[in-house]
Amino acid sequence: MSFLRSLVHMLWMGITVIPYTLLILLVRVCGGSPAARWTIARAWLKLSVDSAGWFCGVKYRVQGMELLPTDPQQGVVLLCKHQSTYETFLMPAIMPRALAYVFKKELLSIPFFGWSIGSLDMIHIDRKHGSRAFHKVVEQGKRLLAQGIWVIMFPEGTRVARGEVGEYKTGATRLAIMTGVPVVPIAVTSAKCWPRKSFVKTPGVVDVSIGPMIPSAGRKHEELMEEVQAWIEGEMRRLDPAAYPAALPDRSSTPAA
């Protein structure tokens, strides 16, 4: 049953992405603003999230929204745990501002979906270019953050399995420090319902926890990322304790028999 429900959801997404993409492309050709294109794209992303609930029983609950800045000119870099495709759709659907993802350029070649994100004001990079790619992230990031658009990045770089910890790379904290904006850590337990590399989705609740803003001024990018990682991984263990092995008891002080 879960397979059939997942298949219906996939077909629904495949069908609905076509008219939304065509509308985005039409608005772009007609000179529509990036904000107008974002509104259309966000509507499809929210539809995809909602339909995961309708067809597959995947719901979500969010805590910490009150910790997000309310100043429309305040830019932030969102640093999100990455366990599945779900959060890439969910974050734009729940955030109060337009988001700009940093993503690999290969995604642009995906029919309709890639054409859509290529028409949005986001940052696509060629990872093979190394420092040149990061220079583009900083250049584009400064422009977007100055407009009040929030940049969102997955510091682990790729999806990780439930209960695992990927390597937290410092590109996102370097961007925050160089642009002078705070970072916001986000924990997401999406793999409970939509595991990475899995077609089948199972009913359940995905918890999203938004952490407090962490200023970047005067920080070093390594120690700032260490603080982000500590918060995210600590929160993951709180939200999804079943995914993490219990700590072994400390026997160093146990007296010998």
C-alpha atoms as a PDB file:
ATOM      1  CA  MET A   1       0.000   0.000   0.000  1.00  0.00           C
ATOM      2  CA  SER A   2       2.815   2.437   0.851  1.00  0.00           C
ATOM      3  CA  PHE A   3       4.375   1.758  -2.548  1.00  0.00           C
ATOM      4  CA  LEU A   4       1.123   2.533  -4.377  1.00  0.00           C
ATOM      5  CA  ARG A   5       0.559   5.693  -2.363  1.00  0.00           C
ATOM      6  CA  SER A   6       4.120   6.794  -3.051  1.00  0.00           C
ATOM      7  CA  LEU A   7       3.633   6.102  -6.752  1.00  0.00           C
ATOM      8  CA  VAL A   8       0.486   8.232  -6.836  1.00  0.00           C
ATOM      9  CA  HIS A   9       2.331  11.044  -5.079  1.00  0.00           C
ATOM     10  CA  MET A  10       5.215  10.873  -7.550  1.00  0.00           C
ATOM     11  CA  LEU A  11       2.834  10.928 -10.497  1.00  0.00           C
ATOM     12  CA  TRP A  12       0.988  13.872  -8.970  1.00  0.00           C
ATOM     13  CA  MET A  13       4.221  15.824  -8.607  1.00  0.00           C
ATOM     14  CA  GLY A  14       5.294  14.897 -12.144  1.00  0.00           C
ATOM     15  CA  ILE A  15       2.016  16.092 -13.605  1.00  0.00           C
ATOM     16  CA  THR A  16       1.597  19.280 -11.588  1.00  0.00           C
ATOM     17  CA  VAL A  17       5.170  20.509 -12.094  1.00  0.00           C
ATOM     18  CA  ILE A  18       4.492  20.962 -15.823  1.00  0.00           C
ATOM     19  CA  PRO A  19       1.877  23.770 -15.704  1.00  0.00           C
ATOM     20  CA  TYR A  20       3.682  25.543 -12.865  1.00  0.00           C
ATOM     21  CA  THR A  21       6.958  25.453 -14.798  1.00  0.00           C
ATOM     22  CA  LEU A  22       5.298  26.717 -17.967  1.00  0.00           C
ATOM     23  CA  LEU A  23       3.752  29.556 -15.989  1.00  0.00           C
ATOM     24  CA  ILE A  24       7.126  30.483 -14.478  1.00  0.00           C
ATOM     25  CA  LEU A  25       8.726  30.486 -17.924  1.00  0.00           C
ATOM     26  CA  LEU A  26       5.881  32.594 -19.325  1.00  0.00           C
ATOM     27  CA  VAL A  27       6.220  35.129 -16.532  1.00  0.00           C
ATOM     28  CA  ARG A  28       9.956  35.286 -17.139  1.00  0.00           C
ATOM     29  CA  VAL A  29       9.549  35.823 -20.899  1.00  0.00           C
ATOM     30  CA  CYS A  30       7.000  38.550 -20.226  1.00  0.00           C
ATOM     31  CA  GLY A  31       9.423  40.348 -17.917  1.00  0.00           C
ATOM     32  CA  GLY A  32       7.834  39.314 -14.635  1.00  0.00           C
ATOM     33  CA  SER A  33       9.805  40.005 -11.465  1.00  0.00           C
ATOM     34  CA  PRO A  34      11.824  37.380  -9.583  1.00  0.00           C
ATOM     35  CA  ALA A  35       9.328  37.789  -6.733  1.00  0.00           C
ATOM     36  CA  ALA A  36       6.449  36.817  -9.038  1.00  0.00           C
ATOM     37  CA  ARG A  37       8.323  33.744 -10.249  1.00  0.00           C
ATOM     38  CA  TRP A  38       9.151  32.791  -6.655  1.00  0.00           C
ATOM     39  CA  THR A  39       5.482  33.026  -5.667  1.00  0.00           C
ATOM     40  CA  ILE A  40       4.535  30.538  -8.391  1.00  0.00           C
ATOM     41  CA  ALA A  41       7.369  28.168  -7.525  1.00  0.00           C
ATOM     42  CA  ARG A  42       6.558  28.312  -3.818  1.00  0.00           C
ATOM     43  CA  ALA A  43       2.933  27.440  -4.568  1.00  0.00           C
ATOM     44  CA  TRP A  44       4.032  24.243  -6.335  1.00  0.00           C
ATOM     45  CA  LEU A  45       6.482  23.334  -3.561  1.00  0.00           C
ATOM     46  CA  LYS A  46       3.747  23.792  -0.948  1.00  0.00           C
ATOM     47  CA  LEU A  47       1.396  21.699  -3.084  1.00  0.00           C
ATOM     48  CA  SER A  48       4.019  18.945  -3.174  1.00  0.00           C
ATOM     49  CA  VAL A  49       4.407  19.043   0.606  1.00  0.00           C
ATOM     50  CA  ASP A  50       0.645  19.058   1.174  1.00  0.00           C
ATOM     51  CA  SER A  51       0.138  16.210  -1.282  1.00  0.00           C
ATOM     52  CA  ALA A  52       2.696  14.098   0.601  1.00  0.00           C
ATOM     53  CA  GLY A  53       0.244  14.356   3.473  1.00  0.00           C
ATOM     54  CA  TRP A  54      -2.805  13.573   1.339  1.00  0.00           C
ATOM     55  CA  PHE A  55      -1.357  10.571  -0.474  1.00  0.00           C
ATOM     56  CA  CYS A  56       1.345   9.221   1.836  1.00  0.00           C
ATOM     57  CA  GLY A  57       0.337  10.398   5.302  1.00  0.00           C
ATOM     58  CA  VAL A  58       3.532  12.444   5.731  1.00  0.00           C
ATOM     59  CA  LYS A  59       2.751  15.413   7.984  1.00  0.00           C
ATOM     60  CA  TYR A  60       5.006  17.978   9.626  1.00  0.00           C
ATOM     61  CA  ARG A  61       5.141  20.150  12.721  1.00  0.00           C
ATOM     62  CA  VAL A  62       7.367  23.135  13.256  1.00  0.00           C
ATOM     63  CA  GLN A  63       8.747  24.765  16.373  1.00  0.00           C
ATOM     64  CA  GLY A  64      10.892  27.865  16.727  1.00  0.00           C
ATOM     65  CA  MET A  65       9.285  30.059  14.051  1.00  0.00           C
ATOM     66  CA  GLU A  66       9.226  32.894  16.564  1.00  0.00           C
ATOM     67  CA  LEU A  67      13.037  32.854  16.599  1.00  0.00           C
ATOM     68  CA  LEU A  68      13.258  33.967  12.970  1.00  0.00           C
ATOM     69  CA  PRO A  69      13.948  37.679  12.340  1.00  0.00           C
ATOM     70  CA  THR A  70      10.985  39.901  11.540  1.00  0.00           C
ATOM     71  CA  ASP A  71      12.961  42.808  10.089  1.00  0.00           C
ATOM     72  CA  PRO A  72      12.358  42.604   6.296  1.00  0.00           C
ATOM     73  CA  GLN A  73      15.901  43.854   5.656  1.00  0.00           C
ATOM     74  CA  GLN A  74      17.576  41.262   7.872  1.00  0.00           C
ATOM     75  CA  GLY A  75      19.315  38.595   5.845  1.00  0.00           C
ATOM     76  CA  VAL A  76      20.248  35.231   7.325  1.00  0.00           C
ATOM     77  CA  VAL A  77      21.909  32.031   6.182  1.00  0.00           C
ATOM     78  CA  LEU A  78      19.750  29.028   7.046  1.00  0.00           C
ATOM     79  CA  LEU A  79      21.736  25.854   7.781  1.00  0.00           C
ATOM     80  CA  CYS A  80      19.517  22.809   7.565  1.00  0.00           C
ATOM     81  CA  LYS A  81      19.943  19.128   8.355  1.00  0.00           C
ATOM     82  CA  HIS A  82      19.633  17.136   5.132  1.00  0.00           C
ATOM     83  CA  GLN A  83      18.105  13.649   5.275  1.00  0.00           C
ATOM     84  CA  SER A  84      15.819  13.571   2.242  1.00  0.00           C
ATOM     85  CA  THR A  85      14.226  15.462  -0.637  1.00  0.00           C
ATOM     86  CA  TYR A  86      11.365  16.460   1.649  1.00  0.00           C
ATOM     87  CA  GLU A  87      13.067  19.424   3.313  1.00  0.00           C
ATOM     88  CA  THR A  88      14.050  20.937  -0.031  1.00  0.00           C
ATOM     89  CA  PHE A  89      10.318  21.326  -0.691  1.00  0.00           C
ATOM     90  CA  LEU A  90       9.314  22.039   2.904  1.00  0.00           C
ATOM     91  CA  MET A  91      11.628  24.949   3.715  1.00  0.00           C
ATOM     92  CA  PRO A  92      10.248  27.314   1.039  1.00  0.00           C
ATOM     93  CA  ALA A  93       6.712  26.242   1.973  1.00  0.00           C
ATOM     94  CA  ILE A  94       7.029  27.279   5.636  1.00  0.00           C
ATOM     95  CA  MET A  95       9.517  30.166   5.605  1.00  0.00           C
ATOM     96  CA  PRO A  96       8.161  33.746   5.708  1.00  0.00           C
ATOM     97  CA  ARG A  97      10.718  35.030   3.169  1.00  0.00           C
ATOM     98  CA  ALA A  98      11.886  34.093  -0.287  1.00  0.00           C
ATOM     99  CA  LEU A  99      14.763  31.628  -0.193  1.00  0.00           C
ATOM    100  CA  ALA A 100      17.761  31.153  -2.441  1.00  0.00           C
ATOM    101  CA  TYR A 101      19.246  27.673  -2.542  1.00  0.00           C
ATOM    102  CA  VAL A 102      22.876  27.025  -3.358  1.00  0.00           C
ATOM    103  CA  PHE A 103      22.783  23.985  -5.629  1.00  0.00           C
ATOM    104  CA  LYS A 104      24.893  22.113  -8.170  1.00  0.00           C
ATOM    105  CA  LYS A 105      24.331  23.154 -11.770  1.00  0.00           C
ATOM    106  CA  GLU A 106      23.558  19.563 -12.850  1.00  0.00           C
ATOM    107  CA  LEU A 107      20.045  20.013 -11.439  1.00  0.00           C
ATOM    108  CA  LEU A 108      19.319  22.542 -14.186  1.00  0.00           C
ATOM    109  CA  SER A 109      19.167  19.722 -16.737  1.00  0.00           C
ATOM    110  CA  ILE A 110      16.165  18.022 -15.082  1.00  0.00           C
ATOM    111  CA  PRO A 111      13.127  18.631 -17.323  1.00  0.00           C
ATOM    112  CA  PHE A 112      10.625  21.121 -15.924  1.00  0.00           C
ATOM    113  CA  PHE A 113      11.961  21.080 -12.346  1.00  0.00           C
ATOM    114  CA  GLY A 114      15.417  22.184 -13.459  1.00  0.00           C
ATOM    115  CA  TRP A 115      13.972  24.720 -15.861  1.00  0.00           C
ATOM    116  CA  SER A 116      11.968  26.186 -12.989  1.00  0.00           C
ATOM    117  CA  ILE A 117      14.847  26.602 -10.563  1.00  0.00           C
ATOM    118  CA  GLY A 118      16.965  27.981 -13.386  1.00  0.00           C
ATOM    119  CA  SER A 119      14.385  30.733 -13.800  1.00  0.00           C
ATOM    120  CA  LEU A 120      14.503  31.692 -10.128  1.00  0.00           C
ATOM    121  CA  ASP A 121      16.957  33.975  -8.364  1.00  0.00           C
ATOM    122  CA  MET A 122      19.118  31.253  -6.840  1.00  0.00           C
ATOM    123  CA  ILE A 123      22.798  30.293  -6.842  1.00  0.00           C
ATOM    124  CA  HIS A 124      23.863  27.381  -9.023  1.00  0.00           C
ATOM    125  CA  ILE A 125      27.515  26.398  -9.014  1.00  0.00           C
ATOM    126  CA  ASP A 126      29.949  24.073 -10.717  1.00  0.00           C
ATOM    127  CA  ARG A 127      31.627  22.210  -7.876  1.00  0.00           C
ATOM    128  CA  LYS A 128      34.579  21.346 -10.108  1.00  0.00           C
ATOM    129  CA  HIS A 129      35.612  25.000 -10.111  1.00  0.00           C
ATOM    130  CA  GLY A 130      36.417  25.025  -6.393  1.00  0.00           C
ATOM    131  CA  SER A 131      37.388  28.530  -5.255  1.00  0.00           C
ATOM    132  CA  ARG A 132      35.747  30.135  -8.298  1.00  0.00           C
ATOM    133  CA  ALA A 133      32.478  28.453  -7.357  1.00  0.00           C
ATOM    134  CA  PHE A 134      32.696  29.780  -3.803  1.00  0.00           C
ATOM    135  CA  HIS A 135      33.487  33.269  -5.101  1.00  0.00           C
ATOM    136  CA  LYS A 136      30.221  33.090  -7.044  1.00  0.00           C
ATOM    137  CA  VAL A 137      28.352  32.013  -3.902  1.00  0.00           C
ATOM    138  CA  VAL A 138      29.707  35.025  -1.994  1.00  0.00           C
ATOM    139  CA  GLU A 139      29.052  37.471  -4.829  1.00  0.00           C
ATOM    140  CA  GLN A 140      25.501  36.279  -5.439  1.00  0.00           C
ATOM    141  CA  GLY A 141      24.868  35.767  -1.733  1.00  0.00           C
ATOM    142  CA  LYS A 142      25.726  39.372  -0.893  1.00  0.00           C
ATOM    143  CA  ARG A 143      23.291  40.626  -3.511  1.00  0.00           C
ATOM    144  CA  LEU A 144      20.449  38.361  -2.404  1.00  0.00           C
ATOM    145  CA  LEU A 145      20.945  38.918   1.322  1.00  0.00           C
ATOM    146  CA  ALA A 146      20.957  42.680   0.759  1.00  0.00           C
ATOM    147  CA  GLN A 147      17.496  42.280  -0.773  1.00  0.00           C
ATOM    148  CA  GLY A 148      16.194  40.468   2.314  1.00  0.00           C
ATOM    149  CA  ILE A 149      16.258  37.071   0.588  1.00  0.00           C
ATOM    150  CA  TRP A 150      17.498  34.303   2.852  1.00  0.00           C
ATOM    151  CA  VAL A 151      20.171  31.937   1.595  1.00  0.00           C
ATOM    152  CA  ILE A 152      19.666  28.305   2.568  1.00  0.00           C
ATOM    153  CA  MET A 153      22.411  25.674   2.527  1.00  0.00           C
ATOM    154  CA  PHE A 154      22.829  22.084   3.636  1.00  0.00           C
ATOM    155  CA  PRO A 155      26.193  22.067   5.444  1.00  0.00           C
ATOM    156  CA  GLU A 156      26.565  18.284   5.106  1.00  0.00           C
ATOM    157  CA  GLY A 157      26.466  18.747   1.352  1.00  0.00           C
ATOM    158  CA  THR A 158      24.397  15.663   0.623  1.00  0.00           C
ATOM    159  CA  ARG A 159      21.613  13.640   2.182  1.00  0.00           C
ATOM    160  CA  VAL A 160      22.598  11.469   5.135  1.00  0.00           C
ATOM    161  CA  ALA A 161      20.817   8.407   6.482  1.00  0.00           C
ATOM    162  CA  ARG A 162      18.665   8.577   9.580  1.00  0.00           C
ATOM    163  CA  GLY A 163      20.817   8.563  12.694  1.00  0.00           C
ATOM    164  CA  GLU A 164      24.011   9.446  10.826  1.00  0.00           C
ATOM    165  CA  VAL A 165      26.117  12.600  10.873  1.00  0.00           C
ATOM    166  CA  GLY A 166      27.718  13.864   7.694  1.00  0.00           C
ATOM    167  CA  GLU A 167      30.764  16.062   7.382  1.00  0.00           C
ATOM    168  CA  TYR A 168      29.762  19.643   8.152  1.00  0.00           C
ATOM    169  CA  LYS A 169      31.576  21.815   5.616  1.00  0.00           C
ATOM    170  CA  THR A 170      32.309  25.448   6.438  1.00  0.00           C
ATOM    171  CA  GLY A 171      31.250  27.115   3.189  1.00  0.00           C
ATOM    172  CA  ALA A 172      27.997  28.335   4.709  1.00  0.00           C
ATOM    173  CA  THR A 173      29.611  29.887   7.777  1.00  0.00           C
ATOM    174  CA  ARG A 174      32.283  31.472   5.586  1.00  0.00           C
ATOM    175  CA  LEU A 175      29.491  33.046   3.533  1.00  0.00           C
ATOM    176  CA  ALA A 176      27.748  34.320   6.675  1.00  0.00           C
ATOM    177  CA  ILE A 177      30.952  35.835   8.073  1.00  0.00           C
ATOM    178  CA  MET A 178      31.911  37.467   4.767  1.00  0.00           C
ATOM    179  CA  THR A 179      28.445  38.977   4.355  1.00  0.00           C
ATOM    180  CA  GLY A 180      28.001  39.893   8.026  1.00  0.00           C
ATOM    181  CA  VAL A 181      24.707  38.081   8.577  1.00  0.00           C
ATOM    182  CA  PRO A 182      23.747  35.599  11.316  1.00  0.00           C
ATOM    183  CA  VAL A 183      23.146  31.905  10.777  1.00  0.00           C
ATOM    184  CA  VAL A 184      20.070  29.929  11.799  1.00  0.00           C
ATOM    185  CA  PRO A 185      20.444  26.175  12.476  1.00  0.00           C
ATOM    186  CA  ILE A 186      17.529  23.904  11.572  1.00  0.00           C
ATOM    187  CA  ALA A 187      16.981  20.266  12.546  1.00  0.00           C
ATOM    188  CA  VAL A 188      14.644  18.123  10.397  1.00  0.00           C
ATOM    189  CA  THR A 189      13.705  14.473  10.996  1.00  0.00           C
ATOM    190  CA  SER A 190      12.507  13.804   7.443  1.00  0.00           C
ATOM    191  CA  ALA A 191      14.147  10.378   7.105  1.00  0.00           C
ATOM    192  CA  LYS A 192      11.580   8.927   9.506  1.00  0.00           C
ATOM    193  CA  CYS A 193       9.042   9.141   6.680  1.00  0.00           C
ATOM    194  CA  TRP A 194      11.014   9.785   3.488  1.00  0.00           C
ATOM    195  CA  PRO A 195      14.468   8.147   3.694  1.00  0.00           C
ATOM    196  CA  ARG A 196      17.194   9.168   1.287  1.00  0.00           C
ATOM    197  CA  LYS A 197      17.347   7.143  -1.936  1.00  0.00           C
ATOM    198  CA  SER A 198      13.986   5.598  -1.081  1.00  0.00           C
ATOM    199  CA  PHE A 199      10.973   5.769  -3.340  1.00  0.00           C
ATOM    200  CA  VAL A 200       8.547   4.559  -0.667  1.00  0.00           C
ATOM    201  CA  LYS A 201       7.303   7.055   1.893  1.00  0.00           C
ATOM    202  CA  THR A 202       5.728   5.950   5.169  1.00  0.00           C
ATOM    203  CA  PRO A 203       3.093   7.787   7.221  1.00  0.00           C
ATOM    204  CA  GLY A 204       4.322   9.824  10.152  1.00  0.00           C
ATOM    205  CA  VAL A 205       5.288  13.260  11.392  1.00  0.00           C
ATOM    206  CA  VAL A 206       8.420  15.114  10.343  1.00  0.00           C
ATOM    207  CA  ASP A 207       9.633  17.415  13.109  1.00  0.00           C
ATOM    208  CA  VAL A 208      11.270  20.715  12.201  1.00  0.00           C
ATOM    209  CA  SER A 209      13.073  22.671  14.910  1.00  0.00           C
ATOM    210  CA  ILE A 210      14.389  26.154  14.159  1.00  0.00           C
ATOM    211  CA  GLY A 211      17.196  27.316  16.399  1.00  0.00           C
ATOM    212  CA  PRO A 212      18.124  30.792  17.595  1.00  0.00           C
ATOM    213  CA  MET A 213      20.057  33.138  15.345  1.00  0.00           C
ATOM    214  CA  ILE A 214      23.807  32.917  15.910  1.00  0.00           C
ATOM    215  CA  PRO A 215      25.747  36.110  15.089  1.00  0.00           C
ATOM    216  CA  SER A 216      28.682  35.666  12.740  1.00  0.00           C
ATOM    217  CA  ALA A 217      30.543  38.899  13.516  1.00  0.00           C
ATOM    218  CA  GLY A 218      34.032  38.290  14.860  1.00  0.00           C
ATOM    219  CA  ARG A 219      33.739  34.523  14.523  1.00  0.00           C
ATOM    220  CA  LYS A 220      35.990  32.005  12.803  1.00  0.00           C
ATOM    221  CA  HIS A 221      34.196  29.853  10.279  1.00  0.00           C
ATOM    222  CA  GLU A 222      35.357  26.542  11.792  1.00  0.00           C
ATOM    223  CA  GLU A 223      34.210  27.267  15.328  1.00  0.00           C
ATOM    224  CA  LEU A 224      30.960  28.804  14.112  1.00  0.00           C
ATOM    225  CA  MET A 225      30.193  25.647  12.158  1.00  0.00           C
ATOM    226  CA  GLU A 226      31.092  23.539  15.186  1.00  0.00           C
ATOM    227  CA  GLU A 227      28.472  25.464  17.177  1.00  0.00           C
ATOM    228  CA  VAL A 228      25.902  24.976  14.404  1.00  0.00           C
ATOM    229  CA  GLN A 229      26.657  21.257  14.201  1.00  0.00           C
ATOM    230  CA  ALA A 230      26.439  20.818  17.969  1.00  0.00           C
ATOM    231  CA  TRP A 231      23.015  22.481  18.051  1.00  0.00           C
ATOM    232  CA  ILE A 232      21.605  20.594  15.062  1.00  0.00           C
ATOM    233  CA  GLU A 233      22.864  17.164  16.106  1.00  0.00           C
ATOM    234  CA  GLY A 234      21.817  17.679  19.712  1.00  0.00           C
ATOM    235  CA  GLU A 235      18.359  18.651  18.532  1.00  0.00           C
ATOM    236  CA  MET A 236      18.188  15.656  16.185  1.00  0.00           C
ATOM    237  CA  ARG A 237      18.796  13.359  19.131  1.00  0.00           C
ATOM    238  CA  ARG A 238      16.064  15.084  21.103  1.00  0.00           C
ATOM    239  CA  LEU A 239      13.532  14.937  18.257  1.00  0.00           C
ATOM    240  CA  ASP A 240      14.334  11.415  17.045  1.00  0.00           C
ATOM    241  CA  PRO A 241      15.982   9.507  19.916  1.00  0.00           C
ATOM    242  CA  ALA A 242      15.115   6.123  18.409  1.00  0.00           C
ATOM    243  CA  ALA A 243      17.520   6.826  15.527  1.00  0.00           C
ATOM    244  CA  TYR A 244      20.562   7.230  17.734  1.00  0.00           C
ATOM    245  CA  PRO A 245      22.166   4.550  19.904  1.00  0.00           C
ATOM    246  CA  ALA A 246      22.035   5.208  23.596  1.00  0.00           C
ATOM    247  CA  ALA A 247      25.323   6.318  25.104  1.00  0.00           C
ATOM    248  CA  LEU A 248      27.209   3.550  26.867  1.00  0.00           C
ATOM    249  CA  PRO A 249      27.421   3.954  30.627  1.00  0.00           C
ATOM    250  CA  ASP A 250      30.669   5.385  31.976  1.00  0.00           C
ATOM    251  CA  ARG A 251      32.358   2.531  33.843  1.00  0.00           C
ATOM    252  CA  SER A 252      35.620   4.364  34.538  1.00  0.00           C
ATOM    253  CA  SER A 253      34.640   5.080  38.116  1.00  0.00           C
ATOM    254  CA  THR A 254      32.953   1.759  38.820  1.00  0.00           C
ATOM    255  CA  PRO A 255      34.808  -0.009  41.639  1.00  0.00           C
ATOM    256  CA  ALA A 256      36.221  -3.435  40.842  1.00  0.00           C
ATOM    257  CA  ALA A 257      34.349  -6.418  42.227  1.00  0.00           C
END
